[in-house]
Structures are given as C-alpha cells and as structure tokens.
Protein backbone atom coordinates (compact mmCIF):
# COMPACT_ATOMS: atom_id res chain seq x y z
CA UNK A 1 -0.20 0.05 0.11
CA UNK A 2 1.33 3.43 -1.48
CA UNK A 3 0.10 6.18 1.03
CA UNK A 4 0.10 10.04 -0.28
CA UNK A 5 -0.02 11.33 2.93
CA UNK A 6 -1.09 15.08 3.38
CA UNK A 7 -0.24 16.98 7.27
CA UNK A 8 1.22 20.47 8.30
CA UNK A 9 3.57 19.30 10.57
CA UNK A 10 6.02 16.52 12.07
CA UNK A 11 8.06 16.18 15.48
CA UNK A 12 10.42 17.91 16.41
CA UNK A 13 8.57 20.89 14.46
CA UNK A 14 5.59 20.57 15.70
CA UNK A 15 3.41 22.90 18.08
CA UNK A 16 0.76 19.93 19.45
CA UNK A 17 -1.04 16.73 19.18
CA UNK A 18 -1.05 16.88 15.69
CA UNK A 19 2.03 16.59 14.75
CA UNK A 20 2.44 13.47 17.60
CA UNK A 21 0.22 11.50 16.02
CA UNK A 22 0.93 11.83 12.69
CA UNK A 23 4.37 10.46 13.75
CA UNK A 24 2.77 7.93 15.65
CA UNK A 25 0.70 6.57 13.47
CA UNK A 26 2.77 7.05 10.23
CA UNK A 27 5.78 4.80 11.92
CA UNK A 28 2.92 1.97 12.54
CA UNK A 29 1.56 2.37 9.14
CA UNK A 30 5.13 1.51 8.02
CA UNK A 31 5.61 -1.20 10.33
CA UNK A 32 2.84 -3.04 8.88
CA UNK A 33 4.32 -2.17 5.07
CA UNK A 34 3.19 0.61 3.76
CA UNK A 35 4.69 2.95 1.91
CA UNK A 36 4.31 6.86 3.29
CA UNK A 37 5.24 9.45 0.72
CA UNK A 38 4.41 12.56 3.52
CA UNK A 39 3.81 15.97 2.14
CA UNK A 40 4.97 18.93 4.31
CA UNK A 41 4.04 22.78 3.35
CA UNK A 42 7.64 23.72 3.82
CA UNK A 43 11.25 21.94 4.12
CA UNK A 44 12.26 21.39 7.39
CA UNK A 45 15.35 19.72 9.04
CA UNK A 46 13.79 16.65 9.79
CA UNK A 47 14.13 12.84 8.94
CA UNK A 48 12.57 9.66 9.55
CA UNK A 49 13.45 6.35 7.80
CA UNK A 50 10.10 4.45 7.82
CA UNK A 51 8.80 7.16 5.36
CA UNK A 52 9.68 9.60 2.77
CA UNK A 53 9.34 13.53 2.81
CA UNK A 54 7.67 15.85 -0.09
CA UNK A 55 8.34 19.32 0.76
CA UNK A 56 5.62 21.73 -1.25
CA UNK A 57 7.94 25.00 -0.60
CA UNK A 58 10.62 22.95 -3.09
CA UNK A 59 8.58 23.86 -6.16
CA UNK A 60 9.47 27.75 -7.11
CA UNK A 61 5.61 28.17 -7.41
CA UNK A 62 5.35 27.75 -3.66
CA UNK A 63 6.72 29.09 -0.45
CA UNK A 64 4.95 28.78 2.98
CA UNK A 65 5.56 31.46 5.77
CA UNK A 66 7.32 30.01 8.88
CA UNK A 67 4.79 31.72 10.94
CA UNK A 68 1.90 29.12 10.20
CA UNK A 69 0.88 26.84 12.52
CA UNK A 70 -1.95 24.03 12.43
CA UNK A 71 -3.59 25.99 15.08
CA UNK A 72 -3.18 29.66 13.63
CA UNK A 73 -6.56 31.77 13.96
CA UNK A 74 -6.81 34.18 10.74
CA UNK A 75 -6.35 37.15 13.04
CA UNK A 76 -2.99 35.45 14.62
CA UNK A 77 -1.62 34.74 11.77
CA UNK A 78 -2.30 38.24 9.99
CA UNK A 79 -0.62 40.29 13.34
CA UNK A 80 2.20 38.11 13.00
CA UNK A 81 2.97 38.54 9.53
CA UNK A 82 2.25 42.15 9.42
CA UNK A 83 4.81 42.67 12.92
CA UNK A 84 7.70 40.31 10.91
CA UNK A 85 6.93 42.54 8.19
CA UNK A 86 8.15 39.77 5.56
CA UNK A 87 8.81 41.31 1.86
CA UNK A 88 8.99 38.06 -0.27
CA UNK A 89 6.50 38.57 -2.46
CA UNK A 90 5.73 34.44 -2.50
CA UNK A 91 4.59 34.86 1.30
CA UNK A 92 0.54 35.08 1.29
CA UNK A 93 -1.14 37.85 3.47
CA UNK A 94 -3.12 35.44 5.54
CA UNK A 95 -4.10 31.52 6.10
CA UNK A 96 -6.04 31.05 3.70
CA UNK A 97 -4.18 32.29 0.77
CA UNK A 98 -1.25 29.73 2.13
CA UNK A 99 -3.93 27.02 2.19
CA UNK A 100 -5.02 28.14 -1.50
CA UNK A 101 -0.45 27.70 -2.30
CA UNK A 102 -0.53 24.22 -0.69
CA UNK A 103 -3.36 23.08 -2.82
CA UNK A 104 -2.17 24.58 -5.98
CA UNK A 105 1.34 22.50 -5.08
CA UNK A 106 -0.56 19.48 -4.53
CA UNK A 107 -1.66 18.66 -8.07
CA UNK A 108 1.77 18.58 -9.37
CA UNK A 109 2.94 16.41 -6.37
CA UNK A 110 0.05 14.50 -7.37
CA UNK A 111 0.88 13.80 -10.90
CA UNK A 112 4.37 12.86 -10.25
CA UNK A 113 4.30 10.09 -7.08
CA UNK A 114 2.95 6.58 -7.47
CA UNK A 115 0.56 5.81 -4.96
CA UNK A 116 -2.42 4.32 -4.31
CA UNK A 117 -4.66 6.11 -1.61
CA UNK A 118 -4.64 10.00 -0.46
CA UNK A 119 -4.56 10.15 3.33
CA UNK A 120 -5.18 14.19 4.77
CA UNK A 121 -4.75 14.95 8.26
CA UNK A 122 -7.19 18.27 9.51
CA UNK A 123 -8.37 21.07 7.53
CA UNK A 124 -5.61 22.71 6.69
CA UNK A 125 -4.24 20.14 4.60
CA UNK A 126 -7.97 19.07 3.19
CA UNK A 127 -8.10 21.19 0.18
CA UNK A 128 -4.50 19.93 -1.09
CA UNK A 129 -5.83 16.54 -0.54
CA UNK A 130 -8.99 17.72 -2.72
CA UNK A 131 -7.06 18.81 -5.20
CA UNK A 132 -5.01 15.98 -5.44
CA UNK A 133 -8.46 13.52 -5.44
CA UNK A 134 -9.48 15.19 -8.62
CA UNK A 135 -5.97 15.18 -10.21
CA UNK A 136 -5.41 11.28 -10.09
CA UNK A 137 -8.72 9.78 -9.23
CA UNK A 138 -7.61 7.84 -6.06
CA UNK A 139 -10.23 7.23 -3.38
CA UNK A 140 -9.68 9.97 -0.24
CA UNK A 141 -9.53 9.50 3.27
CA UNK A 142 -9.69 12.43 5.24
CA UNK A 143 -8.37 11.92 9.32
CA UNK A 144 -10.49 14.09 11.75
CA UNK A 145 -8.24 15.11 14.71
CA UNK A 146 -10.44 18.22 15.64
CA UNK A 147 -13.09 20.20 14.01
CA UNK A 148 -13.56 24.10 14.48
CA UNK A 149 -16.64 23.55 17.38
CA UNK A 150 -13.49 21.72 19.24
CA UNK A 151 -10.63 24.91 18.34
CA UNK A 152 -13.12 27.62 19.40
CA UNK A 153 -14.24 26.06 22.89
CA UNK A 154 -17.87 26.36 21.81
CA UNK A 155 -17.69 29.95 21.25
CA UNK A 156 -19.01 30.66 17.61
CA UNK A 157 -16.74 29.72 14.78
CA UNK A 158 -15.23 30.83 11.93
CA UNK A 159 -17.15 30.73 8.62
CA UNK A 160 -14.64 30.02 6.16
CA UNK A 161 -12.53 27.00 8.34
CA UNK A 162 -16.11 25.62 8.29
CA UNK A 163 -16.59 25.25 4.85
CA UNK A 164 -12.93 23.76 4.31
CA UNK A 165 -14.19 21.09 6.63
CA UNK A 166 -17.41 20.15 5.16
CA UNK A 167 -15.94 19.90 1.30
CA UNK A 168 -13.05 17.63 2.53
CA UNK A 169 -15.37 15.47 4.58
CA UNK A 170 -17.91 15.61 1.49
CA UNK A 171 -15.42 15.06 -0.86
CA UNK A 172 -13.86 11.85 1.19
CA UNK A 173 -14.33 8.46 0.09
CA UNK A 174 -13.85 7.53 3.83
CA UNK A 175 -13.37 9.62 7.14
CA UNK A 176 -11.25 8.67 10.07
CA UNK A 177 -12.83 10.09 13.79
CA UNK A 178 -10.58 10.00 16.11
CA UNK A 179 -12.84 8.92 18.97
CA UNK A 180 -16.29 8.67 18.97
CA UNK A 181 -17.25 11.60 20.41
CA UNK A 182 -15.90 13.37 16.77
CA UNK A 183 -17.58 11.26 15.19
CA UNK A 184 -20.93 12.20 16.71
CA UNK A 185 -19.73 15.76 15.87
CA UNK A 186 -19.20 15.01 12.25
CA UNK A 187 -22.49 13.76 11.92
CA UNK A 188 -24.34 15.96 13.74
CA UNK A 189 -22.49 19.45 12.44
CA UNK A 190 -20.80 18.65 8.82
CA UNK A 191 -23.83 16.19 7.91
CA UNK A 192 -22.39 13.40 7.00
CA UNK A 193 -23.30 10.03 6.57
CA UNK A 194 -22.41 7.48 9.59
CA UNK A 195 -21.83 4.63 7.56
CA UNK A 196 -18.65 7.02 5.89
CA UNK A 197 -17.33 7.12 9.23
CA UNK A 198 -15.09 4.65 10.98
CA UNK A 199 -13.33 5.75 14.58
CA UNK A 200 -9.84 4.71 15.18
CA UNK A 201 -8.75 5.98 18.51
CA UNK A 202 -5.22 7.53 19.20
CA UNK A 203 -2.24 5.34 20.35
CA UNK A 204 0.99 6.33 22.44
CA UNK A 205 4.40 5.77 21.89
CA UNK A 206 6.78 4.34 24.82
CA UNK A 207 10.15 5.55 23.82
CA UNK A 208 12.33 8.14 25.28
CA UNK A 209 10.24 7.54 29.08
CA UNK A 210 11.97 9.82 31.50
CA UNK A 211 11.36 8.26 34.87
CA UNK A 212 12.97 11.03 36.60
CA UNK A 213 11.36 12.23 39.58
CA UNK A 214 13.29 14.53 41.61
CA UNK A 215 13.26 18.18 41.23
CA UNK A 216 13.77 20.79 44.20
CA UNK A 217 10.55 22.22 43.75
CA UNK A 218 9.07 18.51 44.63
CA UNK A 219 11.40 18.98 48.02
CA UNK A 220 8.45 20.94 49.83
CA UNK A 221 5.81 20.66 47.05
CA UNK A 222 3.25 18.61 45.85
CA UNK A 223 3.07 18.91 41.50
CA UNK A 224 -0.17 19.51 39.58
CA UNK A 225 0.64 19.77 36.16
CA UNK A 226 -1.43 21.13 33.27
CA UNK A 227 0.39 20.34 29.68
CA UNK A 228 -1.30 21.68 26.29
CA UNK A 229 -1.89 25.11 24.30
CA UNK A 230 -3.29 27.80 26.37
CA UNK A 231 -6.66 28.40 24.13
CA UNK A 232 -10.22 27.98 25.19
CA UNK A 233 -10.45 24.77 23.84
CA UNK A 234 -7.87 23.17 26.26
CA UNK A 235 -9.61 24.71 29.23
CA UNK A 236 -6.54 26.14 31.53
CA UNK A 237 -9.29 29.00 33.12
CA UNK A 238 -10.54 25.96 34.59
CA UNK A 239 -6.98 24.49 35.99
CA UNK A 240 -5.84 28.03 37.31
CA UNK A 241 -9.68 28.56 39.42
CA UNK A 242 -9.39 24.74 40.63
CA UNK A 243 -5.55 25.65 41.30
CA UNK A 244 -7.03 28.23 43.64
CA UNK A 245 -9.38 26.06 45.33
CA UNK A 246 -7.12 23.33 45.80
CA UNK A 247 -4.36 25.60 47.36
CA UNK A 248 -7.04 27.11 50.08
CA UNK A 249 -6.08 23.31 51.60
CA UNK A 250 -3.15 22.36 49.98
CA UNK A 251 -0.93 25.41 50.27
CA UNK A 252 2.17 23.29 49.64
CA UNK A 253 1.42 22.49 45.87
CA UNK A 254 3.14 23.94 42.53
CA UNK A 255 1.00 24.64 39.49
CA UNK A 256 2.82 24.21 36.30
CA UNK A 257 1.35 25.48 33.11
CA UNK A 258 3.34 23.61 30.00
CA UNK A 259 2.22 25.40 27.01
CA UNK A 260 1.70 28.77 25.06
CA UNK A 261 -1.29 30.76 23.08
CA UNK A 262 -3.16 33.32 23.07
CA UNK A 263 -4.12 33.14 26.61
CA UNK A 264 -1.29 32.84 28.09
CA UNK A 265 -1.30 36.50 29.04
CA UNK A 266 -5.45 36.54 30.08
CA UNK A 267 -3.83 33.45 32.92
CA UNK A 268 -1.01 34.93 34.04
CA UNK A 269 -2.93 38.63 34.88
CA UNK A 270 -5.73 36.43 36.48
CA UNK A 271 -3.41 34.16 38.86
CA UNK A 272 -2.19 37.41 39.90
CA UNK A 273 -5.34 38.88 40.44
CA UNK A 274 -6.45 35.65 42.83
CA UNK A 275 -3.25 36.32 44.62
CA UNK A 276 -1.52 32.87 43.60
CA UNK A 277 0.94 33.77 41.85
CA UNK A 278 4.06 31.90 43.53
CA UNK A 279 1.78 29.13 42.98
CA UNK A 280 1.13 28.80 39.51
CA UNK A 281 4.71 28.62 37.04
CA UNK A 282 3.96 28.95 33.52
CA UNK A 283 7.16 27.35 31.52
CA UNK A 284 6.06 27.85 28.31
CA UNK A 285 6.39 25.52 25.31
CA UNK A 286 7.85 21.85 26.30
CA UNK A 287 8.91 19.09 24.12
CA UNK A 288 11.51 16.25 24.32
CA UNK A 289 13.07 15.71 27.50
CA UNK A 290 11.87 18.74 29.23
CA UNK A 291 8.43 17.70 28.66
CA UNK A 292 9.10 14.04 29.58
CA UNK A 293 10.58 15.42 33.01
CA UNK A 294 7.64 17.75 33.70
CA UNK A 295 5.40 14.29 33.47
CA UNK A 296 7.67 12.90 35.49
CA UNK A 297 8.08 15.35 38.40
CA UNK A 298 4.17 15.67 38.91
CA UNK A 299 2.41 13.99 41.34
CA UNK A 300 -1.18 14.59 39.42
CA UNK A 301 -1.35 15.65 35.21
CA UNK A 302 -4.95 17.31 34.51
CA UNK A 303 -6.82 17.82 31.04
CA UNK A 304 -9.74 19.80 31.61
CA UNK A 305 -10.38 20.24 27.82
CA UNK A 306 -14.08 22.07 27.05
CA UNK A 307 -13.63 20.08 24.00
CA UNK A 308 -11.09 17.76 23.04
CA UNK A 309 -11.27 14.79 19.87
CA UNK A 310 -8.90 12.34 22.04
CA UNK A 311 -6.51 14.31 24.21
CA UNK A 312 -3.00 12.19 23.58
CA UNK A 313 -1.20 13.98 26.58
CA UNK A 314 -3.09 11.66 29.46
CA UNK A 315 -1.49 8.80 27.96
CA UNK A 316 1.99 10.52 27.89
CA UNK A 317 1.52 10.95 31.71
CA UNK A 318 0.12 7.67 32.50
CA UNK A 319 3.61 6.22 30.44
CA UNK A 320 5.51 8.34 32.97
CA UNK A 321 3.82 6.72 35.68
CA UNK A 322 1.52 10.17 36.77
CA UNK A 323 -1.94 9.54 37.80
CA UNK A 324 -4.12 11.53 35.44
CA UNK A 325 -7.67 13.94 36.03
CA UNK A 326 -9.23 14.03 33.07
CA UNK A 327 -12.38 15.66 30.97
CA UNK A 328 -15.42 13.86 30.64
CA UNK A 329 -15.45 16.19 27.28
CA UNK A 330 -13.17 14.16 25.62
CA UNK A 331 -11.95 11.10 23.02
CA UNK A 332 -9.64 9.94 25.65
CA UNK A 333 -12.28 9.21 28.06
CA UNK A 334 -13.97 6.21 25.58
CA UNK A 335 -10.52 4.18 26.18
CA UNK A 336 -9.42 4.91 29.47
CA UNK A 337 -11.07 3.58 32.66
CA UNK A 338 -8.36 3.62 35.54
CA UNK A 339 -8.35 7.35 36.12
CA UNK A 340 -10.33 10.14 37.50
CA UNK A 341 -13.23 12.16 35.16
CA UNK A 342 -14.79 15.65 35.64
CA UNK A 343 -16.80 17.79 33.60
CA UNK A 344 -14.35 20.73 32.28
CA UNK A 345 -16.93 23.27 33.96
CA UNK A 346 -16.92 21.51 37.61
CA UNK A 347 -14.22 23.12 39.12
CA UNK A 348 -15.28 21.77 42.59
CA UNK A 349 -15.55 18.70 41.56
CA UNK A 350 -12.01 18.99 39.27
CA UNK A 351 -10.54 21.07 42.69
CA UNK A 352 -11.98 17.92 45.33
CA UNK A 353 -10.13 15.15 42.74
CA UNK A 354 -6.91 16.80 43.13
CA UNK A 355 -6.88 17.01 46.84
CA UNK A 356 -8.00 13.67 46.85
CA UNK A 357 -5.09 11.81 44.67
CA UNK A 358 -2.14 14.79 46.67
CA UNK A 359 -3.84 13.77 50.26
CA UNK A 360 -4.23 9.94 49.64
CA UNK A 361 -1.26 8.67 47.11
CA UNK A 362 -2.92 5.16 47.37
CA UNK A 363 -5.46 6.32 45.02
CA UNK A 364 -3.40 7.17 42.38
CA UNK A 365 -1.05 4.51 42.92
CA UNK A 366 -4.18 1.95 42.15
CA UNK A 367 -5.06 3.90 39.19
CA UNK A 368 -1.28 3.54 38.25
CA UNK A 369 -1.16 -0.26 38.60
CA UNK A 370 -4.59 -1.47 37.04
CA UNK A 371 -3.84 1.84 33.56
CA UNK A 372 -0.51 -0.22 32.82
CA UNK A 373 -2.97 -3.15 31.74
CA UNK A 374 -4.63 -0.39 29.48
CA UNK A 375 -1.89 1.30 28.15
CA UNK A 376 -0.29 -1.58 26.06
CA UNK A 377 -3.79 -1.96 24.45
CA UNK A 378 -3.95 1.92 23.04
CA UNK A 379 -1.16 1.49 20.44
CA UNK A 380 -0.30 3.49 17.38
CA UNK A 381 -0.46 -0.31 15.61
CA UNK A 382 -4.27 -0.64 16.42
CA UNK A 383 -4.76 2.68 15.27
CA UNK A 384 -2.75 1.85 11.96
CA UNK A 385 -4.59 -1.54 11.79
CA UNK A 386 -7.59 0.71 11.40
CA UNK A 387 -6.51 2.58 8.69
CA UNK A 388 -5.29 0.29 6.71
CA UNK A 389 -8.09 -1.80 6.81
CA UNK A 390 -10.42 1.80 5.80
CA UNK A 391 -7.63 1.64 2.62
CA UNK A 392 -8.93 -1.74 1.64
CA UNK A 393 -12.90 -0.98 1.90
CA UNK A 394 -11.99 1.48 -0.72
CA UNK A 395 -13.13 0.16 -4.09
CA UNK A 396 -10.55 0.65 -6.28
C-alpha cells in the first residue's frame, strides 16, 4: 500500500498533538508494510527512515511562511505577518492564501508520485488532498483530529474554516475520526452519513520515557501539571480556578502550566489577581526531555479540556507513572477507565479530586497499577490496523 499523506507539521517541528499523531501513525503504518509519502508545506530539517518526505516549498511556485501552525487563527496569522514585515512576495498575507498555495502544488505532487490512496490530516490539508484526488482519480481518506467547533471551545466558529472542513468531509471517500465523540460531531454538525465514518482512537509511544522525579520543586511541594495549548479549547482557565480552591487546603502545591497560546497573558494576570502567582509556574512550550521530566515530576496530571476530540497527553502522563484527571468531554475518556474524570466546567469536582489524589497517594497508585494493563492496548499499531482496514475497504 502506497499512501500519499498530507500533513502540516511533524516532530520536532510541531506545535501540538497533531504532529505527534502523524508521527505515531506513520511509523506504525510503515511497520505494516505501507509506503508513506508524507507531504509538508515547507522544508524543515527532519528525517525519518520509515517514510519519505515531500516538501511543497521545493517548488518555485510555492513558499509557506514559517509563522504558520495548524492552530493559527486568521487574525493571529495576520497580526504576526504584519509584525514580521515579511517582504518576500511569494508569501501569502493570510492563512487561507497559504492553504490555497498548498492546494495548487498538491496537484503537481499527485501527478508525479506513484501511490494508491490519499490520506489527509485535519482541515489545513483538506484542500490540497481534494486537488490531489481530482488530478489522480485516487480515493481520499480524511482524518479528523479536531473540528472548528472543538478549537473555538464552543464560542462561535470561523465560517471559512467550516466550509473547508465540510468540503473535505464531503469529498472524502472515507472519514477517520479519532473518537466516537468526534464522530458524533461530524454527523451532527457537518451532516456526514454515519456509514462513511470509521473511528480509530489515537495511541501512545513508549519511547524516550524519563522517570526522573527528583527536582528541587518537589522537596517541599506537590506538583500538579497542565500540558497543552493555552486556548479556550484546552480549558487552562478552569485549571487555574481549580488551583485556587486546591491551594486553600493544600498550600504546599505547585501548579505547572506547560504550553503557550493566546490565553497566556489572561492567565498570568488572573493568577496575580487571585493572589496565587507564587504557586503557579508558566513554563512555556515544552518538548522532548523537558516535557518528559515535567510528566515524571508531577504528582497529578490534569486535562480540563472543553472539547477534546481525543487527547494524547493523559496517555503520555501515564507512561511516566503519573495519575491523571481528565475531562469527560474528551475522546480519550472512551479508552481510559483507570483514571479520574470530571466535567470541565465543574471546578469544585476538579479541585476535590486533585485534593484526594494529593492526600491519598494510594489512590493514584491503584489507578496507575490498573492503567498499566490498559496502556499496552492503546497503541499506534491498533490505529494503523484500522487505517489499513479503511484503505482496503475502498473500491479501487
């Protein structure tokens, strides 16, 4: 099976879980004999012996601004573009223009590569994948890791993004959703027939796990960790509000906020306003060994997402022997049984469950012991099996 796969990022050049998912899935597909041609919008210094990269900006007709991320809003892209005063006339002045450029070069890529099926990850690649389908007449699978309604946290939506998502979903021959939670949203909000959608839960890698728990912060404190983009979707504000309540009973607790995003200034001002600035540390975006150490040193990991299609980070925390508390509004809650769960908006319940795990370590130990039986079943190999089944189900 030869797969032309359209992505937007790939570790270590990733700004979130999308790149992590692309890497884990591509590696697992390769182990099952698939040949992956992974298309990225721009050249980056990345290498993987299990796939072949194709960089769209090697074409003289296409250059992508390095400011782009799969989570850029139209406004944030424009503001950063203006701030940088980019002079190269090939750079687009908004996110949608860059997506159009990616789509145009996808036509020539699809005409020059020998492949069997097209696989596109998330909305920023959908136009490119649809153009590739039109040129090649090959079947298209779109993989939905998040929808516009997840990214905005339920606070409205961008009509242009919605239109691109809907086009990709309608033109796809098969749709892969990362959870039943996401499948329901695709049916209800985009009107896609249920029989067209397959659910393939994400997995987790067990490589490069650091279990180094010693740190000077832990000498006199318990550590509660948040990892994710600081956006409405991820619920970092609910994490902060719960922290205030926890600190009233557990003052020797440090809350680590690992991530960056448009809510950062709001959150910093809020913790100062609440008088807990000395108990909340903002680390910025972490990756690699730094992120691994953060997971390992934490006593509790919390994912309070408002709308989380899946959520790989709780699985990563568990691989580091750290108990987790996750939002019920998440896809990962479908596959994780041995953890604590709460509604994202219920800061009292979140705070109470954090306090319980900090007060009674045996509770976390019990969950960890049982979760270690679950984790080996939540693998990228299983995700790849589902994808291969989807490929095989298409009528060539």
